[in-house]
Amino acid sequence: MKSKRLSRLAELGCILCWHLGFRDTPAQIHHLREGMGMGQRNSDDRAIPLCYEHHQGDSGYHGLGKRAFEERYKLTELDLLELTEKRWYGR
């Protein structure tokens, strides 16, 4: 069952699309891998909204892998978390 926080995050839309100038892109939840071991999942406080393509698609985090994703978009998961928090709190 999804938490209220995750539902609200998804309603924000894809944070990467938003950063790139696209708006209202439906989002899935991506739990940050930063600091986690294999098979572990981060808490819901360390989650960001990403559209299917930027999450699991060929040009997404899981499709490209961490290094290629960061090289392509010049953003880390922590950068995207910061953008998400700014959007969440309206800054």
Foldseek 3Di string as FASTA:
>chain_A
DDDPLQVVQQQQAALLCVVVPHHDHGWHKDFDCPPHDPPDGDDPLRIHTHHCCQPPNCQHCVNLDQVVNCVVSVDHSVRSSVSSVCVVVVD
